[in-house]
Protein backbone atom coordinates (compact mmCIF):
# COMPACT_ATOMS: atom_id res chain seq x y z
CA MET A 1 14.33 -7.43 -5.68
CA GLN A 2 13.32 -4.67 -3.27
CA LEU A 3 10.23 -4.29 -1.13
CA VAL A 4 8.83 -0.79 -0.67
CA ILE A 5 6.19 -0.64 2.07
CA LEU A 6 3.89 2.37 2.21
CA ASP A 7 1.87 3.73 5.10
CA VAL A 8 -1.58 5.05 4.18
CA ASP A 9 -3.01 7.82 6.41
CA GLY A 10 -0.73 10.85 6.37
CA THR A 11 1.55 9.33 3.74
CA LEU A 12 -0.52 8.38 0.69
CA VAL A 13 -3.86 9.80 1.80
CA ASP A 14 -4.73 13.06 3.56
CA SER A 15 -7.43 11.67 5.83
CA GLN A 16 -7.02 14.11 8.70
CA ASN A 17 -10.42 15.81 8.38
CA LEU A 18 -12.22 12.48 8.40
CA ILE A 19 -10.18 11.10 11.30
CA VAL A 20 -10.64 14.19 13.45
CA ALA A 21 -14.37 14.36 12.71
CA ALA A 22 -14.88 10.66 13.47
CA GLN A 23 -12.93 10.92 16.71
CA GLY A 24 -14.97 13.95 17.73
CA ALA A 25 -18.21 12.08 17.04
CA ALA A 26 -17.01 9.08 19.04
CA PHE A 27 -16.02 11.18 22.05
CA SER A 28 -19.29 13.11 21.98
CA ALA A 29 -21.31 9.88 21.80
CA CYS A 30 -19.46 8.62 24.86
CA GLY A 31 -20.05 11.88 26.76
CA LEU A 32 -16.42 12.96 26.67
CA PRO A 33 -14.81 16.19 25.45
CA PRO A 34 -13.02 15.54 22.15
CA PRO A 35 -9.23 15.80 21.97
CA THR A 36 -7.57 18.70 20.20
CA ARG A 37 -6.82 18.30 16.52
CA GLU A 38 -3.11 17.98 17.29
CA ARG A 39 -3.78 15.25 19.86
CA SER A 40 -6.12 13.43 17.48
CA LEU A 41 -3.51 13.33 14.74
CA SER A 42 -0.74 12.28 17.12
CA VAL A 43 -2.21 8.76 17.38
CA VAL A 44 -2.82 8.23 13.66
CA GLY A 45 -1.10 5.03 12.63
CA LEU A 46 -1.94 3.09 15.76
CA SER A 47 -4.72 0.53 15.69
CA LEU A 48 -7.97 1.80 17.19
CA THR A 49 -7.57 0.09 20.56
CA GLU A 50 -4.07 1.48 21.06
CA ALA A 51 -5.07 4.90 19.73
CA PHE A 52 -7.99 5.34 22.12
CA THR A 53 -6.02 3.88 25.00
CA ALA A 54 -3.42 6.57 24.36
CA LEU A 55 -6.13 9.23 24.31
CA VAL A 56 -8.19 8.24 27.36
CA GLY A 57 -6.03 5.75 29.27
CA PRO A 58 -6.56 2.03 29.81
CA GLN A 59 -9.40 2.64 32.27
CA GLY A 60 -11.37 4.74 29.77
CA PRO A 61 -14.20 3.51 27.52
CA VAL A 62 -11.76 2.31 24.86
CA ASP A 63 -13.98 -0.38 23.31
CA ASP A 64 -17.00 1.94 23.13
CA LEU A 65 -14.93 4.69 21.55
CA ALA A 66 -13.45 2.30 18.98
CA GLN A 67 -16.84 0.93 17.96
CA THR A 68 -18.46 4.37 17.78
CA TYR A 69 -15.48 5.64 15.77
CA ARG A 70 -15.92 2.84 13.21
CA GLU A 71 -19.57 3.73 12.78
CA ALA A 72 -18.89 7.47 12.56
CA PHE A 73 -16.05 6.96 10.10
CA ALA A 74 -18.22 4.88 7.77
CA GLU A 75 -20.98 7.48 7.89
CA LEU A 76 -18.71 10.51 7.48
CA ARG A 77 -16.88 8.97 4.56
CA ARG A 78 -20.03 9.59 2.50
CA ASP A 79 -19.74 13.34 3.18
CA PRO A 80 -17.76 15.22 0.47
CA ALA A 81 -16.47 17.60 3.17
CA CYS A 82 -14.58 14.66 4.69
CA ALA A 83 -12.93 13.49 1.48
CA GLU A 84 -9.64 11.56 1.64
CA PRO A 85 -7.58 13.06 -1.19
CA LEU A 86 -4.28 11.55 -2.21
CA PHE A 87 -1.21 13.61 -1.46
CA PRO A 88 0.49 15.05 -4.57
CA GLY A 89 2.56 12.44 -6.35
CA ALA A 90 1.11 9.43 -4.53
CA GLU A 91 -0.68 8.02 -7.56
CA SER A 92 2.30 8.46 -9.86
CA LEU A 93 4.61 6.84 -7.29
CA ILE A 94 2.44 3.73 -7.11
CA VAL A 95 2.14 3.51 -10.89
CA ARG A 96 5.86 4.08 -11.36
CA LEU A 97 7.09 1.61 -8.76
CA SER A 98 4.51 -1.08 -9.46
CA GLY A 99 5.73 -1.06 -13.06
CA ARG A 100 9.32 -1.82 -12.08
CA PRO A 101 10.23 -5.52 -12.27
CA ASP A 102 12.80 -5.13 -9.47
CA ILE A 103 10.34 -3.72 -6.90
CA ARG A 104 7.43 -5.16 -4.98
CA LEU A 105 5.05 -2.78 -3.27
CA GLY A 106 3.40 -3.30 0.08
CA ILE A 107 1.11 -1.50 2.52
CA ALA A 108 1.40 -1.44 6.31
CA THR A 109 -1.34 0.56 7.98
CA GLY A 110 -3.32 1.02 11.15
CA LYS A 111 -6.48 0.95 9.02
CA SER A 112 -8.72 -2.11 9.08
CA ARG A 113 -8.66 -4.50 6.16
CA ARG A 114 -12.13 -3.24 5.22
CA GLY A 115 -10.88 0.35 5.16
CA VAL A 116 -7.93 -0.54 2.98
CA ALA A 117 -10.14 -2.54 0.62
CA HIS A 118 -12.34 0.55 0.17
CA LEU A 119 -9.29 2.65 -0.68
CA VAL A 120 -7.79 0.07 -3.04
CA ALA A 121 -11.08 -0.30 -4.90
CA ARG A 122 -11.58 3.47 -5.12
CA HIS A 123 -8.16 4.02 -6.71
CA ARG A 124 -8.01 0.71 -8.61
CA TRP A 125 -4.84 -0.42 -6.89
CA ASP A 126 -5.85 -4.09 -6.79
CA ARG A 127 -2.85 -5.14 -8.89
CA GLY A 128 -0.38 -2.66 -7.47
CA PHE A 129 0.50 -4.31 -4.18
CA ALA A 130 2.16 -7.64 -3.50
CA THR A 131 1.28 -7.54 0.21
CA ILE A 132 -1.16 -5.56 2.36
CA GLN A 133 -0.82 -5.61 6.14
CA THR A 134 -3.53 -4.01 8.29
CA ALA A 135 -4.59 -3.61 11.91
CA ASP A 136 -6.60 -6.82 11.47
CA ASP A 137 -3.50 -8.84 10.58
CA ALA A 138 -0.90 -7.98 13.22
CA PRO A 139 -0.20 -6.09 16.45
CA SER A 140 -0.34 -2.30 16.23
CA LYS A 141 2.61 -0.24 15.11
CA PRO A 142 5.34 0.21 16.27
CA ASP A 143 5.47 -3.58 16.70
CA PRO A 144 7.52 -4.87 13.72
CA ALA A 145 5.10 -7.71 12.89
CA MET A 146 3.50 -5.99 9.88
CA VAL A 147 6.86 -5.34 8.24
CA ARG A 148 8.07 -8.85 8.98
CA GLN A 149 4.89 -10.36 7.56
CA ALA A 150 5.18 -8.17 4.47
CA MET A 151 8.78 -9.29 3.93
CA ALA A 152 7.79 -12.93 4.30
CA ALA A 153 4.88 -12.54 1.88
CA ALA A 154 7.04 -10.77 -0.71
CA GLY A 155 10.07 -13.00 -0.20
CA VAL A 156 12.36 -10.02 0.37
CA PRO A 157 14.89 -9.70 3.23
CA ALA A 158 15.09 -6.77 5.64
CA SER A 159 18.27 -5.53 3.96
CA ARG A 160 16.25 -4.93 0.79
CA THR A 161 13.16 -3.46 2.44
CA VAL A 162 12.19 0.21 2.80
CA MET A 163 9.28 1.60 4.84
CA ILE A 164 7.87 5.00 3.86
CA GLY A 165 5.66 6.68 6.45
CA ASP A 166 4.75 9.89 8.23
CA THR A 167 4.79 8.88 11.90
CA THR A 168 7.29 7.89 14.54
CA PHE A 169 5.39 4.58 14.73
CA ASP A 170 6.35 3.84 11.11
CA MET A 171 9.99 4.69 11.71
CA ALA A 172 10.24 2.61 14.89
CA MET A 173 8.43 -0.32 13.26
CA ALA A 174 10.79 -0.37 10.30
CA LYS A 175 13.96 -0.12 12.38
CA ALA A 176 12.77 -2.87 14.74
CA ALA A 177 12.29 -5.13 11.70
CA GLY A 178 15.75 -4.30 10.37
CA ALA A 179 14.43 -2.32 7.39
CA ARG A 180 15.29 1.18 6.23
CA ALA A 181 12.90 3.96 7.25
CA LEU A 182 12.03 6.98 5.11
CA GLY A 183 9.90 9.70 6.68
CA VAL A 184 7.75 12.19 4.79
CA SER A 185 7.62 15.87 5.63
CA TRP A 186 3.91 16.39 4.83
CA GLY A 187 2.38 14.00 7.34
CA TYR A 188 1.02 14.13 10.89
CA HIS A 189 4.21 13.87 12.98
CA PRO A 190 6.97 16.55 13.03
CA VAL A 191 10.09 15.92 10.99
CA ALA A 192 12.28 16.27 14.09
CA ALA A 193 10.32 13.48 15.76
CA LEU A 194 10.74 11.25 12.70
CA ARG A 195 14.49 11.74 12.77
CA GLU A 196 14.61 11.00 16.48
CA ALA A 197 12.62 7.80 15.87
CA GLY A 198 15.25 6.56 13.42
CA ALA A 199 14.35 7.91 9.97
CA ASP A 200 17.23 7.32 7.58
CA ALA A 201 16.06 10.22 5.42
CA ILE A 202 13.13 12.61 5.02
CA LEU A 203 11.25 12.95 1.73
CA ASP A 204 9.89 16.37 0.78
CA GLY A 205 7.98 14.86 -2.15
CA PHE A 206 7.37 11.44 -3.63
CA ASP A 207 9.81 12.18 -6.44
CA ASP A 208 12.53 12.10 -3.77
CA ALA A 209 11.80 8.43 -3.08
CA ASP A 210 13.54 7.15 -6.22
CA GLY A 211 16.89 8.45 -5.06
CA HIS A 212 16.69 6.26 -1.95
CA LEU A 213 15.91 3.06 -3.85
CA GLU A 214 18.34 0.80 -5.64
CA PRO A 215 18.53 1.62 -9.36
CA GLU A 216 16.57 -0.51 -11.79
CA PRO A 217 18.82 -3.21 -13.29
CA LEU A 218 20.37 -2.30 -16.62
CA GLY A 219 18.17 -3.52 -19.44
CA ALA A 220 15.10 -4.02 -17.26
CA GLY A 221 11.97 -3.36 -19.21
CA ALA A 222 13.72 -3.75 -22.55
CA ALA A 223 11.78 -5.56 -25.26
């Protein structure tokens, strides 16, 4: 049995427009100039407290920014201009891997449990994942707690666990937990940074993922 853990924002879902817009609204509401788009995306993957601490420092209005961001995000999500489309191949990857008897799928994300529930319901993934770890369940990435909790929930050891993500936080989290780390080239952190953070390989498309997983046992799925 293998455990394949997927990040959400920047890996499965292209949520950058929504994230940047919600951050901008939060900063404006707090009377602060918004960060650049590049800076906004650099903290994707962290929980909100850690993300805003990174953006404004520990003495800044972190709690106010986080709360205003939550409210702005919920409001903006209703705007078609801030849609969160899946990256090409994401849906087929989940369908393909969730159908394999030798693989269990998991999620490890800086999103809240409420945010993940919205996404799961929207795409009807309720039966696709054996474990879902969110910012509400564990310390922020790159702390390895989410991966360790996912492994415990799925009953799979680190030697049989793979994390797929787009940020250095995902790579560092996986390596700290003893799991393999696969970066994706289409996300919010540069490929060079992913390699430096410990990525074992870089995927240029979700079809590449299968080559980095153990083959399905002979006869699996046979009638």
